[in-house]
Structure formats: structure tokens, C-alpha cells
Amino acid sequence: MSWPIVDSHCHLDFDILQEDLSGVLSRAENAGVHLMVTISTQVEKFPTILKIAEENEAVYCSVGTHPNYAHAEPDIPASRLVELASHDKVIAIGEAGLDFHYDKSTPCCQEKVFRAHIDAARQTDLPLVIHSRNAEDETLRILRDETGKGAFKPLLHCFSSKQYLAEEALKLGAYVSFSGILTFNSAREIKQTAKMVPMDRLLVETDAPFLAPVPHRGKPNQPAFTADTLACLAKIKGVSKEEMAAITSDNFFRFFDKVPRPQVYGAAA
């Protein structure tokens, strides 16, 4: 493919991708995905994530605790996240947030951890990668409350919530990222949300190895498949794939402004 793409959210430390990392990265480059962000789910495993980023020019990373692991890491202070985020390759805080679909961590514990991550994002001025599942009202309550304490940069990743969460989060300055879910036949509501999100707030991702897009359903997801989600998003927004790649890449470098823009992505629009 001739257009450069960014996979703004994947999990290269998960075994199924890490075991074939050179192949994963090669296939991504061949598909036009020249940069990706491998996202932290547990601070305990952060050294593995950072090592992948340090050893691969095309990879950056985040630091944080996924809400489903909040019970395992309930007391990591914002100051520790800020310290770890000082590394050049760490470009975001998270993923953190609320997940009420599973019963792995209590809502109270998840909220405590979420707020610590917001504090770290505010202190570092790095994007906060937000996971929200079956928790629209609670997510908005916390985002509004914390915004009142001082600005930070929220990103609703792998958007699969009710549209009103995106609408209200956009008012707070959020960006919205769409994954392979967007390509599913059942994703009519998410497609409507994608139509609504302004062009300058859109990102694309895989959330690999999960949620492989059409036509790769049933396979482990990988960063190369970002191209399929981007093509779907371009169709929804009525622009070419090249235009959507340029738009989402420009959005990425504007939002994740700690990342130097590689030459392959050209000059900013």
C-alpha cells in the first residue's frame, strides 16, 4: 500500500505476537503501517513492553494498568507512572479506565486506579488511553470531575460504547479511536458514531491480537490489519484511503506529540 498508517493501539507483548515479532513488524511495514504503539496492561510487565519499543524503531509504548488488572495493581501512585513515562519511548499513560463487563476488579478499585492515571497524564501532558466498557455514565462522571481539576488529553480507544459517550467526551477535548469492530456487520451504532466524530479527532488501531477486522475474522489480529479498519473508516467518511491515512496519521502526531514524525509520513498537513 502507498499510504502510511499508524496503529495507535496494539499489544505486541502478548505471546501470539511476541513469538513472531519480526514477522509481525515486517507484515505491518508491507501493509503500510510504519509506526505502532504497544500498550501497557500491567505496570508489572512494563519492562517487557519497553524492551520491545527500545529494540524496534517503529514501536513506541505506554505505561499503565488496565481496569481488569486494577485489583492486582491498586496502589501504584501517579508519581511512579510519571517516573516511568520519562523514557523517550513512552508516549502515553494507560490503558486505564472502567470495565463493568467483567467482574475482575471492583468499580471502586477501578475508579481509584483510573484517577491515578488521569493525574499522571495531567502531570506529564501525555495522552491518556482510556478503556471504557459498559461504563458510559461512570466514565463521563470521572472525566468531567477530573477535567475540572485541570486539563489532560483523553483518548477513547477501541470505541464500542454508546454514542453519547463519544459526543460528551469530544466536548472535553477527547480523540476517538476505532478498531476492527468498525468493520463488523453488527456494528451499525459504531459506524454511526464514526460518522459523527470530527475528522480532526479520529484515530485507527487494531487492539491486536484481539478483534481482527473483516476479512480476517477468526485470525489473531496484527498491526498490518490496521489498513482494513482504515479502509472501512474512509468509506464511512466518504474519502479515499489515502486521505484517511493522511488524516489519521496527522491526528496521531498532533495528539501524541512526543513522537518524532518519521520521514515516511511526510510533512504535517
C-alpha atoms as a PDB file:
ATOM      1  CA  MET A   1       0.000   0.000   0.000  1.00  0.00           C
ATOM      2  CA  SER A   2       1.183   3.505  -0.780  1.00  0.00           C
ATOM      3  CA  TRP A   3      -0.207   5.422   2.179  1.00  0.00           C
ATOM      4  CA  PRO A   4       1.449   5.429   5.629  1.00  0.00           C
ATOM      5  CA  ILE A   5      -0.704   4.337   8.574  1.00  0.00           C
ATOM      6  CA  VAL A   6      -0.287   4.366  12.366  1.00  0.00           C
ATOM      7  CA  ASP A   7      -1.617   1.564  14.564  1.00  0.00           C
ATOM      8  CA  SER A   8      -2.286   3.623  17.674  1.00  0.00           C
ATOM      9  CA  HIS A   9      -3.028   0.644  19.952  1.00  0.00           C
ATOM     10  CA  CYS A  10      -1.757  -2.934  19.926  1.00  0.00           C
ATOM     11  CA  HIS A  11      -0.289  -5.436  22.398  1.00  0.00           C
ATOM     12  CA  LEU A  12       2.975  -6.716  20.966  1.00  0.00           C
ATOM     13  CA  ASP A  13       3.959  -8.264  24.317  1.00  0.00           C
ATOM     14  CA  PHE A  14       1.160 -10.825  24.115  1.00  0.00           C
ATOM     15  CA  ASP A  15       2.638 -14.227  23.338  1.00  0.00           C
ATOM     16  CA  ILE A  16       0.953 -14.815  19.987  1.00  0.00           C
ATOM     17  CA  LEU A  17       2.546 -11.619  18.596  1.00  0.00           C
ATOM     18  CA  GLN A  18       5.800 -11.589  20.550  1.00  0.00           C
ATOM     19  CA  GLU A  19       6.683 -15.115  19.387  1.00  0.00           C
ATOM     20  CA  ASP A  20       6.721 -13.892  15.765  1.00  0.00           C
ATOM     21  CA  LEU A  21       7.567 -10.247  16.352  1.00  0.00           C
ATOM     22  CA  SER A  22       9.898  -9.880  13.370  1.00  0.00           C
ATOM     23  CA  GLY A  23       7.202 -11.294  11.091  1.00  0.00           C
ATOM     24  CA  VAL A  24       4.529  -9.095  12.664  1.00  0.00           C
ATOM     25  CA  LEU A  25       6.619  -5.974  12.111  1.00  0.00           C
ATOM     26  CA  SER A  26       7.551  -6.972   8.569  1.00  0.00           C
ATOM     27  CA  ARG A  27       3.934  -7.600   7.597  1.00  0.00           C
ATOM     28  CA  ALA A  28       2.940  -4.281   9.138  1.00  0.00           C
ATOM     29  CA  GLU A  29       5.515  -2.402   7.088  1.00  0.00           C
ATOM     30  CA  ASN A  30       4.429  -4.206   3.923  1.00  0.00           C
ATOM     31  CA  ALA A  31       0.844  -3.132   4.631  1.00  0.00           C
ATOM     32  CA  GLY A  32       1.892   0.496   5.008  1.00  0.00           C
ATOM     33  CA  VAL A  33       1.812   0.538   8.827  1.00  0.00           C
ATOM     34  CA  HIS A  34       5.144   2.122   9.669  1.00  0.00           C
ATOM     35  CA  LEU A  35       4.513   3.028  13.306  1.00  0.00           C
ATOM     36  CA  MET A  36       2.652   1.360  16.163  1.00  0.00           C
ATOM     37  CA  VAL A  37       2.091   1.820  19.884  1.00  0.00           C
ATOM     38  CA  THR A  38       2.254  -1.239  22.121  1.00  0.00           C
ATOM     39  CA  ILE A  39       0.016  -0.596  25.094  1.00  0.00           C
ATOM     40  CA  SER A  40       0.622  -1.494  28.732  1.00  0.00           C
ATOM     41  CA  THR A  41      -1.971  -3.520  30.635  1.00  0.00           C
ATOM     42  CA  GLN A  42       0.107  -4.054  33.797  1.00  0.00           C
ATOM     43  CA  VAL A  43       2.904  -1.915  35.189  1.00  0.00           C
ATOM     44  CA  GLU A  44       4.449  -5.158  36.464  1.00  0.00           C
ATOM     45  CA  LYS A  45       5.016  -6.185  32.835  1.00  0.00           C
ATOM     46  CA  PHE A  46       6.166  -2.753  31.668  1.00  0.00           C
ATOM     47  CA  PRO A  47       9.860  -3.788  31.288  1.00  0.00           C
ATOM     48  CA  THR A  48       8.862  -6.278  28.575  1.00  0.00           C
ATOM     49  CA  ILE A  49       6.869  -3.648  26.708  1.00  0.00           C
ATOM     50  CA  LEU A  50       9.635  -1.072  26.979  1.00  0.00           C
ATOM     51  CA  LYS A  51      12.209  -3.569  25.696  1.00  0.00           C
ATOM     52  CA  ILE A  52      10.112  -4.177  22.573  1.00  0.00           C
ATOM     53  CA  ALA A  53       9.888  -0.434  21.976  1.00  0.00           C
ATOM     54  CA  GLU A  54      13.588   0.148  22.610  1.00  0.00           C
ATOM     55  CA  GLU A  55      14.621  -2.581  20.187  1.00  0.00           C
ATOM     56  CA  ASN A  56      12.318  -1.561  17.328  1.00  0.00           C
ATOM     57  CA  GLU A  57      12.387   1.896  15.778  1.00  0.00           C
ATOM     58  CA  ALA A  58       8.780   1.652  14.571  1.00  0.00           C
ATOM     59  CA  VAL A  59       7.394   0.870  18.039  1.00  0.00           C
ATOM     60  CA  TYR A  60       6.502   3.186  20.934  1.00  0.00           C
ATOM     61  CA  CYS A  61       4.701   2.258  24.140  1.00  0.00           C
ATOM     62  CA  SER A  62       2.565   3.383  27.063  1.00  0.00           C
ATOM     63  CA  VAL A  63       2.668   2.656  30.787  1.00  0.00           C
ATOM     64  CA  GLY A  64      -0.355   1.814  32.880  1.00  0.00           C
ATOM     65  CA  THR A  65      -2.822  -0.652  34.382  1.00  0.00           C
ATOM     66  CA  HIS A  66      -5.857  -1.988  32.528  1.00  0.00           C
ATOM     67  CA  PRO A  67      -9.049  -1.845  34.642  1.00  0.00           C
ATOM     68  CA  ASN A  68      -9.291  -5.636  34.628  1.00  0.00           C
ATOM     69  CA  TYR A  69      -5.963  -5.702  36.479  1.00  0.00           C
ATOM     70  CA  ALA A  70      -6.750  -2.850  38.857  1.00  0.00           C
ATOM     71  CA  HIS A  71      -7.134  -5.326  41.735  1.00  0.00           C
ATOM     72  CA  ALA A  72      -3.600  -6.593  41.097  1.00  0.00           C
ATOM     73  CA  GLU A  73      -2.060  -3.096  40.989  1.00  0.00           C
ATOM     74  CA  PRO A  74      -4.347  -0.947  43.172  1.00  0.00           C
ATOM     75  CA  ASP A  75      -1.726   1.244  44.801  1.00  0.00           C
ATOM     76  CA  ILE A  76       0.689   2.362  42.071  1.00  0.00           C
ATOM     77  CA  PRO A  77       0.885   6.130  42.583  1.00  0.00           C
ATOM     78  CA  ALA A  78       0.764   8.704  39.816  1.00  0.00           C
ATOM     79  CA  SER A  79       4.337   9.618  40.708  1.00  0.00           C
ATOM     80  CA  ARG A  80       5.531   6.127  39.679  1.00  0.00           C
ATOM     81  CA  LEU A  81       3.721   6.361  36.350  1.00  0.00           C
ATOM     82  CA  VAL A  82       5.227   9.815  35.782  1.00  0.00           C
ATOM     83  CA  GLU A  83       8.702   8.427  36.519  1.00  0.00           C
ATOM     84  CA  LEU A  84       8.339   5.545  34.071  1.00  0.00           C
ATOM     85  CA  ALA A  85       6.850   7.838  31.423  1.00  0.00           C
ATOM     86  CA  SER A  86      10.022   9.938  31.314  1.00  0.00           C
ATOM     87  CA  HIS A  87      11.602   7.440  28.897  1.00  0.00           C
ATOM     88  CA  ASP A  88      11.752   8.710  25.306  1.00  0.00           C
ATOM     89  CA  LYS A  89       9.823   5.711  24.019  1.00  0.00           C
ATOM     90  CA  VAL A  90       6.903   6.109  26.444  1.00  0.00           C
ATOM     91  CA  ILE A  91       4.340   8.330  24.759  1.00  0.00           C
ATOM     92  CA  ALA A  92       1.106   7.713  26.683  1.00  0.00           C
ATOM     93  CA  ILE A  93      -0.420   6.763  30.018  1.00  0.00           C
ATOM     94  CA  GLY A  94      -2.697   3.719  30.200  1.00  0.00           C
ATOM     95  CA  GLU A  95      -4.630   1.908  29.165  1.00  0.00           C
ATOM     96  CA  ALA A  96      -6.767   2.696  32.181  1.00  0.00           C
ATOM     97  CA  GLY A  97     -10.452   3.214  32.788  1.00  0.00           C
ATOM     98  CA  LEU A  98     -13.536   1.200  33.661  1.00  0.00           C
ATOM     99  CA  ASP A  99     -14.712  -2.238  32.550  1.00  0.00           C
ATOM    100  CA  PHE A 100     -18.011  -3.365  34.028  1.00  0.00           C
ATOM    101  CA  HIS A 101     -18.472  -6.176  31.502  1.00  0.00           C
ATOM    102  CA  TYR A 102     -16.171  -8.415  33.528  1.00  0.00           C
ATOM    103  CA  ASP A 103     -16.134  -8.734  37.300  1.00  0.00           C
ATOM    104  CA  LYS A 104     -12.368  -8.859  37.748  1.00  0.00           C
ATOM    105  CA  SER A 105     -11.868  -5.646  39.741  1.00  0.00           C
ATOM    106  CA  THR A 106     -14.423  -3.784  41.831  1.00  0.00           C
ATOM    107  CA  PRO A 107     -15.779  -0.483  40.485  1.00  0.00           C
ATOM    108  CA  CYS A 108     -14.252   1.332  43.453  1.00  0.00           C
ATOM    109  CA  CYS A 109     -10.810  -0.125  42.780  1.00  0.00           C
ATOM    110  CA  GLN A 110     -11.060   0.634  39.060  1.00  0.00           C
ATOM    111  CA  GLU A 111     -12.019   4.247  39.762  1.00  0.00           C
ATOM    112  CA  LYS A 112      -9.112   4.724  42.166  1.00  0.00           C
ATOM    113  CA  VAL A 113      -6.630   3.402  39.609  1.00  0.00           C
ATOM    114  CA  PHE A 114      -8.265   5.385  36.787  1.00  0.00           C
ATOM    115  CA  ARG A 115      -7.952   8.636  38.708  1.00  0.00           C
ATOM    116  CA  ALA A 116      -4.283   7.958  39.466  1.00  0.00           C
ATOM    117  CA  HIS A 117      -3.673   7.551  35.732  1.00  0.00           C
ATOM    118  CA  ILE A 118      -5.519  10.784  34.968  1.00  0.00           C
ATOM    119  CA  ASP A 119      -3.277  12.538  37.486  1.00  0.00           C
ATOM    120  CA  ALA A 120      -0.198  11.108  35.756  1.00  0.00           C
ATOM    121  CA  ALA A 121      -1.496  12.131  32.335  1.00  0.00           C
ATOM    122  CA  ARG A 122      -2.090  15.640  33.612  1.00  0.00           C
ATOM    123  CA  GLN A 123       1.403  15.888  35.098  1.00  0.00           C
ATOM    124  CA  THR A 124       3.161  14.541  32.008  1.00  0.00           C
ATOM    125  CA  ASP A 125       0.884  16.129  29.359  1.00  0.00           C
ATOM    126  CA  LEU A 126       0.818  12.724  27.669  1.00  0.00           C
ATOM    127  CA  PRO A 127      -2.350  11.246  26.146  1.00  0.00           C
ATOM    128  CA  LEU A 128      -4.444   9.071  28.462  1.00  0.00           C
ATOM    129  CA  VAL A 129      -5.532   5.868  26.702  1.00  0.00           C
ATOM    130  CA  ILE A 130      -8.995   5.110  28.101  1.00  0.00           C
ATOM    131  CA  HIS A 131     -10.697   1.723  28.187  1.00  0.00           C
ATOM    132  CA  SER A 132     -14.441   2.037  28.795  1.00  0.00           C
ATOM    133  CA  ARG A 133     -16.770  -0.951  28.522  1.00  0.00           C
ATOM    134  CA  ASN A 134     -20.346  -0.984  29.794  1.00  0.00           C
ATOM    135  CA  ALA A 135     -19.470   2.067  31.882  1.00  0.00           C
ATOM    136  CA  GLU A 136     -20.516   5.139  29.908  1.00  0.00           C
ATOM    137  CA  ASP A 137     -22.100   7.142  32.726  1.00  0.00           C
ATOM    138  CA  GLU A 138     -19.370   6.389  35.237  1.00  0.00           C
ATOM    139  CA  THR A 139     -16.630   7.175  32.720  1.00  0.00           C
ATOM    140  CA  LEU A 140     -18.207  10.542  31.919  1.00  0.00           C
ATOM    141  CA  ARG A 141     -18.669  11.368  35.597  1.00  0.00           C
ATOM    142  CA  ILE A 142     -14.969  10.818  36.267  1.00  0.00           C
ATOM    143  CA  LEU A 143     -13.791  12.605  33.114  1.00  0.00           C
ATOM    144  CA  ARG A 144     -15.914  15.669  33.893  1.00  0.00           C
ATOM    145  CA  ASP A 145     -14.813  15.739  37.512  1.00  0.00           C
ATOM    146  CA  GLU A 146     -11.141  15.360  36.667  1.00  0.00           C
ATOM    147  CA  THR A 147     -11.276  17.905  33.846  1.00  0.00           C
ATOM    148  CA  GLY A 148     -12.470  20.385  36.450  1.00  0.00           C
ATOM    149  CA  LYS A 149      -9.213  19.809  38.335  1.00  0.00           C
ATOM    150  CA  GLY A 150      -7.038  20.575  35.303  1.00  0.00           C
ATOM    151  CA  ALA A 151      -6.724  19.705  31.641  1.00  0.00           C
ATOM    152  CA  PHE A 152      -5.475  16.370  30.311  1.00  0.00           C
ATOM    153  CA  LYS A 153      -5.607  14.616  26.934  1.00  0.00           C
ATOM    154  CA  PRO A 154      -8.197  11.785  26.811  1.00  0.00           C
ATOM    155  CA  LEU A 155      -8.370   9.129  24.091  1.00  0.00           C
ATOM    156  CA  LEU A 156     -11.333   6.749  23.926  1.00  0.00           C
ATOM    157  CA  HIS A 157      -9.652   3.685  22.468  1.00  0.00           C
ATOM    158  CA  CYS A 158     -11.357   0.839  20.572  1.00  0.00           C
ATOM    159  CA  PHE A 159     -14.643   2.693  20.694  1.00  0.00           C
ATOM    160  CA  SER A 160     -17.574   0.325  21.206  1.00  0.00           C
ATOM    161  CA  SER A 161     -19.741   2.292  23.657  1.00  0.00           C
ATOM    162  CA  LYS A 162     -22.944   4.279  23.275  1.00  0.00           C
ATOM    163  CA  GLN A 163     -22.609   7.299  21.015  1.00  0.00           C
ATOM    164  CA  TYR A 164     -23.319   9.786  23.796  1.00  0.00           C
ATOM    165  CA  LEU A 165     -20.026   8.868  25.479  1.00  0.00           C
ATOM    166  CA  ALA A 166     -18.143   9.967  22.369  1.00  0.00           C
ATOM    167  CA  GLU A 167     -20.264  13.105  21.993  1.00  0.00           C
ATOM    168  CA  GLU A 168     -19.664  14.217  25.568  1.00  0.00           C
ATOM    169  CA  ALA A 169     -16.002  13.209  25.631  1.00  0.00           C
ATOM    170  CA  LEU A 170     -15.373  15.226  22.461  1.00  0.00           C
ATOM    171  CA  LYS A 171     -16.584  18.297  24.356  1.00  0.00           C
ATOM    172  CA  LEU A 172     -13.807  17.593  26.874  1.00  0.00           C
ATOM    173  CA  GLY A 173     -11.178  17.501  24.115  1.00  0.00           C
ATOM    174  CA  ALA A 174     -11.061  13.745  23.593  1.00  0.00           C
ATOM    175  CA  TYR A 175      -9.955  11.882  20.498  1.00  0.00           C
ATOM    176  CA  VAL A 176     -11.735   8.673  19.455  1.00  0.00           C
ATOM    177  CA  SER A 177     -10.035   5.583  18.036  1.00  0.00           C
ATOM    178  CA  PHE A 178     -11.754   2.846  16.057  1.00  0.00           C
ATOM    179  CA  SER A 179     -10.665  -0.777  15.835  1.00  0.00           C
ATOM    180  CA  GLY A 180     -11.641  -3.755  13.703  1.00  0.00           C
ATOM    181  CA  ILE A 181     -15.042  -3.743  15.408  1.00  0.00           C
ATOM    182  CA  LEU A 182     -15.935  -0.964  12.966  1.00  0.00           C
ATOM    183  CA  THR A 183     -15.857  -3.494  10.108  1.00  0.00           C
ATOM    184  CA  PHE A 184     -18.292  -5.945  11.717  1.00  0.00           C
ATOM    185  CA  ASN A 185     -21.739  -6.287  10.162  1.00  0.00           C
ATOM    186  CA  SER A 186     -23.262  -5.881  13.614  1.00  0.00           C
ATOM    187  CA  ALA A 187     -21.509  -2.560  14.282  1.00  0.00           C
ATOM    188  CA  ARG A 188     -24.219  -0.242  12.945  1.00  0.00           C
ATOM    189  CA  GLU A 189     -24.204   2.020  16.011  1.00  0.00           C
ATOM    190  CA  ILE A 190     -20.424   2.298  15.998  1.00  0.00           C
ATOM    191  CA  LYS A 191     -20.469   3.207  12.314  1.00  0.00           C
ATOM    192  CA  GLN A 192     -22.929   5.991  13.144  1.00  0.00           C
ATOM    193  CA  THR A 193     -20.569   7.239  15.842  1.00  0.00           C
ATOM    194  CA  ALA A 194     -17.685   7.200  13.380  1.00  0.00           C
ATOM    195  CA  LYS A 195     -19.750   9.364  11.025  1.00  0.00           C
ATOM    196  CA  MET A 196     -20.278  11.845  13.833  1.00  0.00           C
ATOM    197  CA  VAL A 197     -16.688  12.185  15.094  1.00  0.00           C
ATOM    198  CA  PRO A 198     -14.929  15.193  13.523  1.00  0.00           C
ATOM    199  CA  MET A 199     -12.152  14.389  11.097  1.00  0.00           C
ATOM    200  CA  ASP A 200      -9.533  16.021  13.307  1.00  0.00           C
ATOM    201  CA  ARG A 201     -10.332  13.734  16.273  1.00  0.00           C
ATOM    202  CA  LEU A 202     -10.135  10.323  14.555  1.00  0.00           C
ATOM    203  CA  LEU A 203      -7.554   7.578  15.077  1.00  0.00           C
ATOM    204  CA  VAL A 204      -7.334   3.934  13.982  1.00  0.00           C
ATOM    205  CA  GLU A 205      -5.977   0.911  15.802  1.00  0.00           C
ATOM    206  CA  THR A 206      -6.033  -2.874  15.927  1.00  0.00           C
ATOM    207  CA  ASP A 207      -6.054  -3.720  19.649  1.00  0.00           C
ATOM    208  CA  ALA A 208      -4.104  -6.727  18.357  1.00  0.00           C
ATOM    209  CA  PRO A 209      -4.119  -9.628  18.936  1.00  0.00           C
ATOM    210  CA  PHE A 210      -7.859  -9.114  19.526  1.00  0.00           C
ATOM    211  CA  LEU A 211     -10.755  -8.076  17.274  1.00  0.00           C
ATOM    212  CA  ALA A 212      -9.378  -8.856  13.821  1.00  0.00           C
ATOM    213  CA  PRO A 213     -11.299  -6.864  11.200  1.00  0.00           C
ATOM    214  CA  VAL A 214     -13.180  -8.207   8.212  1.00  0.00           C
ATOM    215  CA  PRO A 215     -11.863 -10.048   6.164  1.00  0.00           C
ATOM    216  CA  HIS A 216      -9.578 -11.572   8.819  1.00  0.00           C
ATOM    217  CA  ARG A 217     -12.204 -12.653  11.358  1.00  0.00           C
ATOM    218  CA  GLY A 218     -11.147 -15.756  13.272  1.00  0.00           C
ATOM    219  CA  LYS A 219      -7.450 -14.982  12.934  1.00  0.00           C
ATOM    220  CA  PRO A 220      -5.189 -13.360  15.519  1.00  0.00           C
ATOM    221  CA  ASN A 221      -5.195  -9.641  14.857  1.00  0.00           C
ATOM    222  CA  GLN A 222      -1.938  -7.865  13.969  1.00  0.00           C
ATOM    223  CA  PRO A 223      -0.875  -4.291  13.165  1.00  0.00           C
ATOM    224  CA  ALA A 224      -0.910  -4.962   9.412  1.00  0.00           C
ATOM    225  CA  PHE A 225      -4.692  -5.244   9.625  1.00  0.00           C
ATOM    226  CA  THR A 226      -4.998  -1.571  10.606  1.00  0.00           C
ATOM    227  CA  ALA A 227      -5.244  -0.992   6.859  1.00  0.00           C
ATOM    228  CA  ASP A 228      -8.582  -2.830   6.730  1.00  0.00           C
ATOM    229  CA  THR A 229     -10.107  -0.744   9.514  1.00  0.00           C
ATOM    230  CA  LEU A 230      -8.791   2.420   7.891  1.00  0.00           C
ATOM    231  CA  ALA A 231     -10.394   1.432   4.573  1.00  0.00           C
ATOM    232  CA  CYS A 232     -13.734   0.925   6.330  1.00  0.00           C
ATOM    233  CA  LEU A 233     -13.439   4.277   8.115  1.00  0.00           C
ATOM    234  CA  ALA A 234     -12.601   6.003   4.829  1.00  0.00           C
ATOM    235  CA  LYS A 235     -15.746   4.572   3.227  1.00  0.00           C
ATOM    236  CA  ILE A 236     -17.889   5.707   6.166  1.00  0.00           C
ATOM    237  CA  LYS A 237     -16.457   9.239   5.984  1.00  0.00           C
ATOM    238  CA  GLY A 238     -16.642   9.418   2.178  1.00  0.00           C
ATOM    239  CA  VAL A 239     -12.944   9.966   1.493  1.00  0.00           C
ATOM    240  CA  SER A 240     -10.209   7.928  -0.159  1.00  0.00           C
ATOM    241  CA  LYS A 241      -7.999   5.552   1.801  1.00  0.00           C
ATOM    242  CA  GLU A 242      -5.031   7.817   1.090  1.00  0.00           C
ATOM    243  CA  GLU A 243      -6.896  10.810   2.517  1.00  0.00           C
ATOM    244  CA  MET A 244      -7.950   8.896   5.608  1.00  0.00           C
ATOM    245  CA  ALA A 245      -4.418   7.644   6.168  1.00  0.00           C
ATOM    246  CA  ALA A 246      -3.114  11.211   5.974  1.00  0.00           C
ATOM    247  CA  ILE A 247      -5.861  12.486   8.294  1.00  0.00           C
ATOM    248  CA  THR A 248      -5.444   9.818  10.975  1.00  0.00           C
ATOM    249  CA  SER A 249      -1.654   9.983  10.827  1.00  0.00           C
ATOM    250  CA  ASP A 250      -1.668  13.769  11.175  1.00  0.00           C
ATOM    251  CA  ASN A 251      -4.081  13.421  14.089  1.00  0.00           C
ATOM    252  CA  PHE A 252      -1.783  10.892  15.720  1.00  0.00           C
ATOM    253  CA  PHE A 253       1.319  13.075  15.545  1.00  0.00           C
ATOM    254  CA  ARG A 254      -0.608  16.106  16.760  1.00  0.00           C
ATOM    255  CA  PHE A 255      -2.081  14.234  19.723  1.00  0.00           C
ATOM    256  CA  PHE A 256       0.923  12.039  20.551  1.00  0.00           C
ATOM    257  CA  ASP A 257       3.249  14.983  20.179  1.00  0.00           C
ATOM    258  CA  LYS A 258       6.146  13.298  21.977  1.00  0.00           C
ATOM    259  CA  VAL A 259       6.655  11.114  18.883  1.00  0.00           C
ATOM    260  CA  PRO A 260       9.049  12.447  16.227  1.00  0.00           C
ATOM    261  CA  ARG A 261       7.358  12.291  12.846  1.00  0.00           C
ATOM    262  CA  PRO A 262       9.244   9.776  10.639  1.00  0.00           C
ATOM    263  CA  GLN A 263      10.126  10.936   7.142  1.00  0.00           C
ATOM    264  CA  VAL A 264       7.850   8.312   5.589  1.00  0.00           C
ATOM    265  CA  TYR A 265       4.844  10.203   6.991  1.00  0.00           C
ATOM    266  CA  GLY A 266       5.840  13.397   5.187  1.00  0.00           C
ATOM    267  CA  ALA A 267       5.224  16.915   6.410  1.00  0.00           C
ATOM    268  CA  ALA A 268       2.276  17.756   8.618  1.00  0.00           C
ATOM    269  CA  ALA A 269      -0.853  18.822   6.752  1.00  0.00           C
END
